[in-house]
Amino acid sequence: MKRGAIFDMDGTLFDTEKLYRLAWIETADDFGLPRKPEMAPAMSGRGVKKILATIPQYFPEVDANEYFLHVVKRVRKAIEEKLEIKSGVVEILQYFHDNKIPMAIASSSATEDIEKNIKRAGIDKFFSAIVGGDQIENGKPAPDIFQLAAKKINLPPEDCYVFEDSANGIRGAAAAKCAAIMVIDQVPPLPEIRELCTAVFDNMNDALDAIKNSDV
């Protein structure tokens, strides 16, 4: 078993990736523009800089910062109404805690949002480090966020699991030399992404079983 564990947040700890995907599409209504469903998967797992650079590819007539702020506002409102922890998350966090495995969060979301969400869900006690997208220069798929998270829990990246649901997250984890574990949320991995993974699971319960059995 690795000596550290790093978790993505949206789509991995919480069932919020679906909220972002919906918000990317529905926010077009705010600007009187046609919805573009293909926009949602293009934004998944990206850092803020890449998101802001990508928005004009879909809506060049809109201020990218304004569009992004509208998306964030929609998601925050939905989370305040209901924040769902994904199945198996509490169990794997408790298992790592009981085995004295330090844990960190590495999410493209703002640090403040991460802190609010894990506190609201009552799982903040499990994490000794948080790295938000506002703490790094290069977001996923760059390795920076995972390298910093590993540093904050005093371990080399190669001695850490990374639990992710997005292709860009897996790319970043693999580039950081972490053990990249994909827990499928919205989209199954393409062959290119599967090759970068140490393991792929349908849910966090299966991931925990494999770790207990020393299969990953």
C-alpha atoms as a PDB file:
ATOM      1  CA  MET A   1       0.000   0.000   0.000  1.00  0.00           C
ATOM      2  CA  LYS A   2       1.197   3.502  -0.785  1.00  0.00           C
ATOM      3  CA  ARG A   3       2.043   5.769   2.142  1.00  0.00           C
ATOM      4  CA  GLY A   4      -0.148   8.695   1.049  1.00  0.00           C
ATOM      5  CA  ALA A   5      -3.472   9.389  -0.686  1.00  0.00           C
ATOM      6  CA  ILE A   6      -4.529  12.412  -2.725  1.00  0.00           C
ATOM      7  CA  PHE A   7      -8.131  12.963  -3.771  1.00  0.00           C
ATOM      8  CA  ASP A   8      -9.754  15.086  -6.423  1.00  0.00           C
ATOM      9  CA  MET A   9     -12.987  16.652  -5.162  1.00  0.00           C
ATOM     10  CA  ASP A  10     -15.683  17.132  -7.818  1.00  0.00           C
ATOM     11  CA  GLY A  11     -16.855  13.813  -9.193  1.00  0.00           C
ATOM     12  CA  THR A  12     -14.536  11.898  -6.843  1.00  0.00           C
ATOM     13  CA  LEU A  13     -15.435  12.834  -3.276  1.00  0.00           C
ATOM     14  CA  PHE A  14     -18.720  14.526  -4.135  1.00  0.00           C
ATOM     15  CA  ASP A  15     -21.337  13.895  -6.790  1.00  0.00           C
ATOM     16  CA  THR A  16     -20.874  17.421  -8.111  1.00  0.00           C
ATOM     17  CA  GLU A  17     -19.349  16.882 -11.538  1.00  0.00           C
ATOM     18  CA  LYS A  18     -22.862  16.481 -12.935  1.00  0.00           C
ATOM     19  CA  LEU A  19     -23.702  19.921 -11.522  1.00  0.00           C
ATOM     20  CA  TYR A  20     -20.777  21.499 -13.345  1.00  0.00           C
ATOM     21  CA  ARG A  21     -21.657  19.763 -16.596  1.00  0.00           C
ATOM     22  CA  LEU A  22     -25.217  21.057 -16.373  1.00  0.00           C
ATOM     23  CA  ALA A  23     -24.051  24.550 -15.415  1.00  0.00           C
ATOM     24  CA  TRP A  24     -21.682  24.799 -18.401  1.00  0.00           C
ATOM     25  CA  ILE A  25     -24.626  24.124 -20.682  1.00  0.00           C
ATOM     26  CA  GLU A  26     -27.369  26.113 -18.927  1.00  0.00           C
ATOM     27  CA  THR A  27     -25.259  29.238 -18.356  1.00  0.00           C
ATOM     28  CA  ALA A  28     -25.612  29.972 -22.075  1.00  0.00           C
ATOM     29  CA  ASP A  29     -29.219  30.947 -21.234  1.00  0.00           C
ATOM     30  CA  ASP A  30     -27.926  33.784 -19.037  1.00  0.00           C
ATOM     31  CA  PHE A  31     -26.309  35.381 -22.074  1.00  0.00           C
ATOM     32  CA  GLY A  32     -29.094  34.647 -24.546  1.00  0.00           C
ATOM     33  CA  LEU A  33     -26.951  32.180 -26.442  1.00  0.00           C
ATOM     34  CA  PRO A  34     -27.689  28.686 -27.802  1.00  0.00           C
ATOM     35  CA  ARG A  35     -26.706  25.835 -25.504  1.00  0.00           C
ATOM     36  CA  LYS A  36     -23.669  23.809 -26.526  1.00  0.00           C
ATOM     37  CA  PRO A  37     -23.676  20.394 -24.794  1.00  0.00           C
ATOM     38  CA  GLU A  38     -20.246  19.569 -26.198  1.00  0.00           C
ATOM     39  CA  MET A  39     -18.796  22.342 -24.033  1.00  0.00           C
ATOM     40  CA  ALA A  40     -19.286  20.445 -20.755  1.00  0.00           C
ATOM     41  CA  PRO A  41     -16.865  17.532 -21.300  1.00  0.00           C
ATOM     42  CA  ALA A  42     -14.254  19.930 -22.698  1.00  0.00           C
ATOM     43  CA  MET A  43     -14.127  21.729 -19.342  1.00  0.00           C
ATOM     44  CA  SER A  44     -13.899  18.632 -17.122  1.00  0.00           C
ATOM     45  CA  GLY A  45     -10.838  18.486 -14.896  1.00  0.00           C
ATOM     46  CA  ARG A  46      -9.247  21.649 -16.283  1.00  0.00           C
ATOM     47  CA  GLY A  47      -7.614  24.401 -14.278  1.00  0.00           C
ATOM     48  CA  VAL A  48      -9.036  27.933 -14.327  1.00  0.00           C
ATOM     49  CA  LYS A  49      -6.481  29.269 -16.821  1.00  0.00           C
ATOM     50  CA  LYS A  50      -7.292  26.565 -19.344  1.00  0.00           C
ATOM     51  CA  ILE A  51     -11.021  27.015 -18.749  1.00  0.00           C
ATOM     52  CA  LEU A  52     -10.812  30.741 -19.429  1.00  0.00           C
ATOM     53  CA  ALA A  53      -8.797  30.058 -22.566  1.00  0.00           C
ATOM     54  CA  THR A  54     -11.314  27.467 -23.771  1.00  0.00           C
ATOM     55  CA  ILE A  55     -14.581  29.397 -23.267  1.00  0.00           C
ATOM     56  CA  PRO A  56     -13.948  31.707 -26.278  1.00  0.00           C
ATOM     57  CA  GLN A  57     -13.753  28.636 -28.517  1.00  0.00           C
ATOM     58  CA  TYR A  58     -17.458  28.154 -27.849  1.00  0.00           C
ATOM     59  CA  PHE A  59     -18.637  31.703 -27.149  1.00  0.00           C
ATOM     60  CA  PRO A  60     -16.160  34.274 -28.540  1.00  0.00           C
ATOM     61  CA  GLU A  61     -18.715  37.046 -28.078  1.00  0.00           C
ATOM     62  CA  VAL A  62     -18.859  36.592 -24.282  1.00  0.00           C
ATOM     63  CA  ASP A  63     -16.409  37.705 -21.607  1.00  0.00           C
ATOM     64  CA  ALA A  64     -14.846  34.431 -20.454  1.00  0.00           C
ATOM     65  CA  ASN A  65     -14.510  35.571 -16.845  1.00  0.00           C
ATOM     66  CA  GLU A  66     -18.192  36.496 -16.680  1.00  0.00           C
ATOM     67  CA  TYR A  67     -19.283  33.171 -18.140  1.00  0.00           C
ATOM     68  CA  PHE A  68     -17.076  31.288 -15.686  1.00  0.00           C
ATOM     69  CA  LEU A  69     -18.410  33.287 -12.715  1.00  0.00           C
ATOM     70  CA  HIS A  70     -21.984  32.470 -13.747  1.00  0.00           C
ATOM     71  CA  VAL A  71     -21.101  28.767 -13.871  1.00  0.00           C
ATOM     72  CA  VAL A  72     -19.511  28.875 -10.416  1.00  0.00           C
ATOM     73  CA  LYS A  73     -22.520  30.733  -8.991  1.00  0.00           C
ATOM     74  CA  ARG A  74     -24.932  28.114 -10.364  1.00  0.00           C
ATOM     75  CA  VAL A  75     -22.899  25.252  -8.903  1.00  0.00           C
ATOM     76  CA  ARG A  76     -22.457  26.900  -5.509  1.00  0.00           C
ATOM     77  CA  LYS A  77     -26.205  27.411  -5.256  1.00  0.00           C
ATOM     78  CA  ALA A  78     -26.871  23.764  -6.135  1.00  0.00           C
ATOM     79  CA  ILE A  79     -24.290  22.562  -3.603  1.00  0.00           C
ATOM     80  CA  GLU A  80     -25.810  24.698  -0.852  1.00  0.00           C
ATOM     81  CA  GLU A  81     -29.138  23.009  -1.518  1.00  0.00           C
ATOM     82  CA  LYS A  82     -27.708  19.487  -1.559  1.00  0.00           C
ATOM     83  CA  LEU A  83     -24.146  18.176  -1.349  1.00  0.00           C
ATOM     84  CA  GLU A  84     -23.910  14.429  -1.968  1.00  0.00           C
ATOM     85  CA  ILE A  85     -20.907  12.374  -0.857  1.00  0.00           C
ATOM     86  CA  LYS A  86     -20.181   9.595  -3.323  1.00  0.00           C
ATOM     87  CA  SER A  87     -20.647   5.991  -2.289  1.00  0.00           C
ATOM     88  CA  GLY A  88     -17.654   4.467  -0.529  1.00  0.00           C
ATOM     89  CA  VAL A  89     -15.891   7.760   0.140  1.00  0.00           C
ATOM     90  CA  VAL A  90     -16.349   7.841   3.922  1.00  0.00           C
ATOM     91  CA  GLU A  91     -15.290   4.203   4.151  1.00  0.00           C
ATOM     92  CA  ILE A  92     -12.028   4.674   2.241  1.00  0.00           C
ATOM     93  CA  LEU A  93     -11.196   7.857   4.149  1.00  0.00           C
ATOM     94  CA  GLN A  94     -11.770   6.050   7.440  1.00  0.00           C
ATOM     95  CA  TYR A  95      -9.637   3.109   6.293  1.00  0.00           C
ATOM     96  CA  PHE A  96      -6.707   5.355   5.402  1.00  0.00           C
ATOM     97  CA  HIS A  97      -7.139   7.274   8.641  1.00  0.00           C
ATOM     98  CA  ASP A  98      -7.121   4.058  10.692  1.00  0.00           C
ATOM     99  CA  ASN A  99      -3.958   2.959   8.895  1.00  0.00           C
ATOM    100  CA  LYS A 100      -2.264   6.325   9.472  1.00  0.00           C
ATOM    101  CA  ILE A 101      -2.113   7.189   5.763  1.00  0.00           C
ATOM    102  CA  PRO A 102      -1.973  11.003   5.391  1.00  0.00           C
ATOM    103  CA  MET A 103      -4.499  12.432   2.935  1.00  0.00           C
ATOM    104  CA  ALA A 104      -4.718  15.562   0.809  1.00  0.00           C
ATOM    105  CA  ILE A 105      -7.180  17.091  -1.622  1.00  0.00           C
ATOM    106  CA  ALA A 106      -5.955  18.332  -5.007  1.00  0.00           C
ATOM    107  CA  SER A 107      -8.813  20.040  -6.828  1.00  0.00           C
ATOM    108  CA  SER A 108      -9.100  22.669  -9.539  1.00  0.00           C
ATOM    109  CA  SER A 109     -11.748  24.373  -7.386  1.00  0.00           C
ATOM    110  CA  ALA A 110     -10.805  27.343  -5.222  1.00  0.00           C
ATOM    111  CA  THR A 111      -9.316  26.459  -1.837  1.00  0.00           C
ATOM    112  CA  GLU A 112     -12.120  28.320  -0.065  1.00  0.00           C
ATOM    113  CA  ASP A 113     -14.759  26.233  -1.842  1.00  0.00           C
ATOM    114  CA  ILE A 114     -12.955  23.000  -1.014  1.00  0.00           C
ATOM    115  CA  GLU A 115     -12.762  23.929   2.663  1.00  0.00           C
ATOM    116  CA  LYS A 116     -16.454  24.834   2.784  1.00  0.00           C
ATOM    117  CA  ASN A 117     -17.533  21.635   1.060  1.00  0.00           C
ATOM    118  CA  ILE A 118     -15.547  19.176   3.152  1.00  0.00           C
ATOM    119  CA  LYS A 119     -16.592  20.945   6.335  1.00  0.00           C
ATOM    120  CA  ARG A 120     -20.254  20.891   5.262  1.00  0.00           C
ATOM    121  CA  ALA A 121     -19.936  17.169   4.540  1.00  0.00           C
ATOM    122  CA  GLY A 122     -18.175  16.474   7.838  1.00  0.00           C
ATOM    123  CA  ILE A 123     -15.060  14.945   6.266  1.00  0.00           C
ATOM    124  CA  ASP A 124     -12.610  17.790   6.866  1.00  0.00           C
ATOM    125  CA  LYS A 125     -11.072  15.888   9.812  1.00  0.00           C
ATOM    126  CA  PHE A 126      -9.542  13.353   7.416  1.00  0.00           C
ATOM    127  CA  PHE A 127      -7.373  15.770   5.429  1.00  0.00           C
ATOM    128  CA  SER A 128      -4.050  17.201   6.530  1.00  0.00           C
ATOM    129  CA  ALA A 129      -3.553  19.255   3.346  1.00  0.00           C
ATOM    130  CA  ILE A 130      -5.644  21.027   0.723  1.00  0.00           C
ATOM    131  CA  VAL A 131      -4.405  22.279  -2.627  1.00  0.00           C
ATOM    132  CA  GLY A 132      -6.853  24.320  -4.685  1.00  0.00           C
ATOM    133  CA  GLY A 133      -6.483  25.568  -8.216  1.00  0.00           C
ATOM    134  CA  ASP A 134      -5.712  29.042  -6.864  1.00  0.00           C
ATOM    135  CA  GLN A 135      -2.504  27.776  -5.253  1.00  0.00           C
ATOM    136  CA  ILE A 136      -0.732  26.689  -8.434  1.00  0.00           C
ATOM    137  CA  GLU A 137       0.456  28.242 -11.666  1.00  0.00           C
ATOM    138  CA  ASN A 138      -0.388  25.366 -13.997  1.00  0.00           C
ATOM    139  CA  GLY A 139      -3.621  23.432 -13.531  1.00  0.00           C
ATOM    140  CA  LYS A 140      -4.459  19.865 -14.553  1.00  0.00           C
ATOM    141  CA  PRO A 141      -3.332  18.127 -16.737  1.00  0.00           C
ATOM    142  CA  ALA A 142      -0.016  19.570 -15.522  1.00  0.00           C
ATOM    143  CA  PRO A 143       1.444  17.627 -12.564  1.00  0.00           C
ATOM    144  CA  ASP A 144       1.926  20.699 -10.341  1.00  0.00           C
ATOM    145  CA  ILE A 145      -1.150  20.270  -8.134  1.00  0.00           C
ATOM    146  CA  PHE A 146      -0.306  16.668  -7.259  1.00  0.00           C
ATOM    147  CA  GLN A 147       3.352  17.428  -6.666  1.00  0.00           C
ATOM    148  CA  LEU A 148       2.403  20.186  -4.228  1.00  0.00           C
ATOM    149  CA  ALA A 149      -0.169  17.973  -2.480  1.00  0.00           C
ATOM    150  CA  ALA A 150       2.436  15.243  -2.001  1.00  0.00           C
ATOM    151  CA  LYS A 151       4.902  17.796  -0.675  1.00  0.00           C
ATOM    152  CA  LYS A 152       2.330  19.037   1.843  1.00  0.00           C
ATOM    153  CA  ILE A 153       1.898  15.541   3.271  1.00  0.00           C
ATOM    154  CA  ASN A 154       5.694  15.072   3.291  1.00  0.00           C
ATOM    155  CA  LEU A 155       5.851  12.239   0.781  1.00  0.00           C
ATOM    156  CA  PRO A 156       7.319  11.793  -2.719  1.00  0.00           C
ATOM    157  CA  PRO A 157       4.596  11.738  -5.419  1.00  0.00           C
ATOM    158  CA  GLU A 158       5.470   8.179  -6.409  1.00  0.00           C
ATOM    159  CA  ASP A 159       4.468   7.010  -2.912  1.00  0.00           C
ATOM    160  CA  CYS A 160       0.954   8.467  -3.221  1.00  0.00           C
ATOM    161  CA  TYR A 161      -2.291   7.239  -4.664  1.00  0.00           C
ATOM    162  CA  VAL A 162      -4.274   9.805  -6.627  1.00  0.00           C
ATOM    163  CA  PHE A 163      -8.013   9.223  -6.918  1.00  0.00           C
ATOM    164  CA  GLU A 164      -9.503  10.979  -9.939  1.00  0.00           C
ATOM    165  CA  ASP A 165     -12.540  10.851 -12.214  1.00  0.00           C
ATOM    166  CA  SER A 166     -11.402  13.008 -15.128  1.00  0.00           C
ATOM    167  CA  ALA A 167      -9.036  12.400 -18.018  1.00  0.00           C
ATOM    168  CA  ASN A 168      -7.097  15.578 -17.292  1.00  0.00           C
ATOM    169  CA  GLY A 169      -6.754  14.601 -13.655  1.00  0.00           C
ATOM    170  CA  ILE A 170      -5.359  11.210 -14.608  1.00  0.00           C
ATOM    171  CA  ARG A 171      -2.929  12.835 -17.047  1.00  0.00           C
ATOM    172  CA  GLY A 172      -1.674  15.131 -14.302  1.00  0.00           C
ATOM    173  CA  ALA A 173      -1.386  12.346 -11.733  1.00  0.00           C
ATOM    174  CA  ALA A 174       0.556  10.146 -14.137  1.00  0.00           C
ATOM    175  CA  ALA A 175       2.851  13.047 -15.066  1.00  0.00           C
ATOM    176  CA  ALA A 176       3.537  13.555 -11.359  1.00  0.00           C
ATOM    177  CA  LYS A 177       4.533   9.857 -11.109  1.00  0.00           C
ATOM    178  CA  CYS A 178       1.710   9.112  -8.659  1.00  0.00           C
ATOM    179  CA  ALA A 179      -0.317   5.892  -8.732  1.00  0.00           C
ATOM    180  CA  ALA A 180      -3.252   7.200 -10.776  1.00  0.00           C
ATOM    181  CA  ILE A 181      -6.515   5.510  -9.854  1.00  0.00           C
ATOM    182  CA  MET A 182      -9.586   6.384 -11.876  1.00  0.00           C
ATOM    183  CA  VAL A 183     -12.955   6.027 -10.178  1.00  0.00           C
ATOM    184  CA  ILE A 184     -15.416   6.420 -13.042  1.00  0.00           C
ATOM    185  CA  ASP A 185     -18.021   9.144 -12.681  1.00  0.00           C
ATOM    186  CA  GLN A 186     -19.536  10.643 -15.838  1.00  0.00           C
ATOM    187  CA  VAL A 187     -17.346   9.250 -18.599  1.00  0.00           C
ATOM    188  CA  PRO A 188     -15.435   5.931 -18.853  1.00  0.00           C
ATOM    189  CA  PRO A 189     -11.753   6.312 -19.759  1.00  0.00           C
ATOM    190  CA  LEU A 190     -10.608   6.099 -23.353  1.00  0.00           C
ATOM    191  CA  PRO A 191      -7.823   3.561 -24.038  1.00  0.00           C
ATOM    192  CA  GLU A 192      -5.221   6.363 -23.934  1.00  0.00           C
ATOM    193  CA  ILE A 193      -6.275   7.303 -20.395  1.00  0.00           C
ATOM    194  CA  ARG A 194      -6.694   3.730 -19.195  1.00  0.00           C
ATOM    195  CA  GLU A 195      -3.045   3.087 -20.072  1.00  0.00           C
ATOM    196  CA  LEU A 196      -1.998   5.878 -17.698  1.00  0.00           C
ATOM    197  CA  CYS A 197      -3.962   4.400 -14.809  1.00  0.00           C
ATOM    198  CA  THR A 198      -2.607   2.123 -12.126  1.00  0.00           C
ATOM    199  CA  ALA A 199      -6.189   0.868 -11.818  1.00  0.00           C
ATOM    200  CA  VAL A 200      -9.720   1.755 -12.915  1.00  0.00           C
ATOM    201  CA  PHE A 201     -12.812   1.151 -10.761  1.00  0.00           C
ATOM    202  CA  ASP A 202     -16.534   1.701 -11.171  1.00  0.00           C
ATOM    203  CA  ASN A 203     -16.853   3.055  -7.628  1.00  0.00           C
ATOM    204  CA  MET A 204     -14.880   3.859  -4.497  1.00  0.00           C
ATOM    205  CA  ASN A 205     -16.045   0.684  -2.743  1.00  0.00           C
ATOM    206  CA  ASP A 206     -14.271  -1.428  -5.365  1.00  0.00           C
ATOM    207  CA  ALA A 207     -11.157   0.721  -5.025  1.00  0.00           C
ATOM    208  CA  LEU A 208     -11.121   0.173  -1.273  1.00  0.00           C
ATOM    209  CA  ASP A 209     -11.528  -3.585  -1.659  1.00  0.00           C
ATOM    210  CA  ALA A 210      -8.564  -3.701  -4.051  1.00  0.00           C
ATOM    211  CA  ILE A 211      -6.394  -1.697  -1.655  1.00  0.00           C
ATOM    212  CA  LYS A 212      -7.332  -3.945   1.265  1.00  0.00           C
ATOM    213  CA  ASN A 213      -6.374  -6.956  -0.842  1.00  0.00           C
ATOM    214  CA  SER A 214      -3.085  -5.312  -1.857  1.00  0.00           C
ATOM    215  CA  ASP A 215      -4.119  -5.397  -5.514  1.00  0.00           C
ATOM    216  CA  VAL A 216      -3.064  -1.759  -6.109  1.00  0.00           C
END
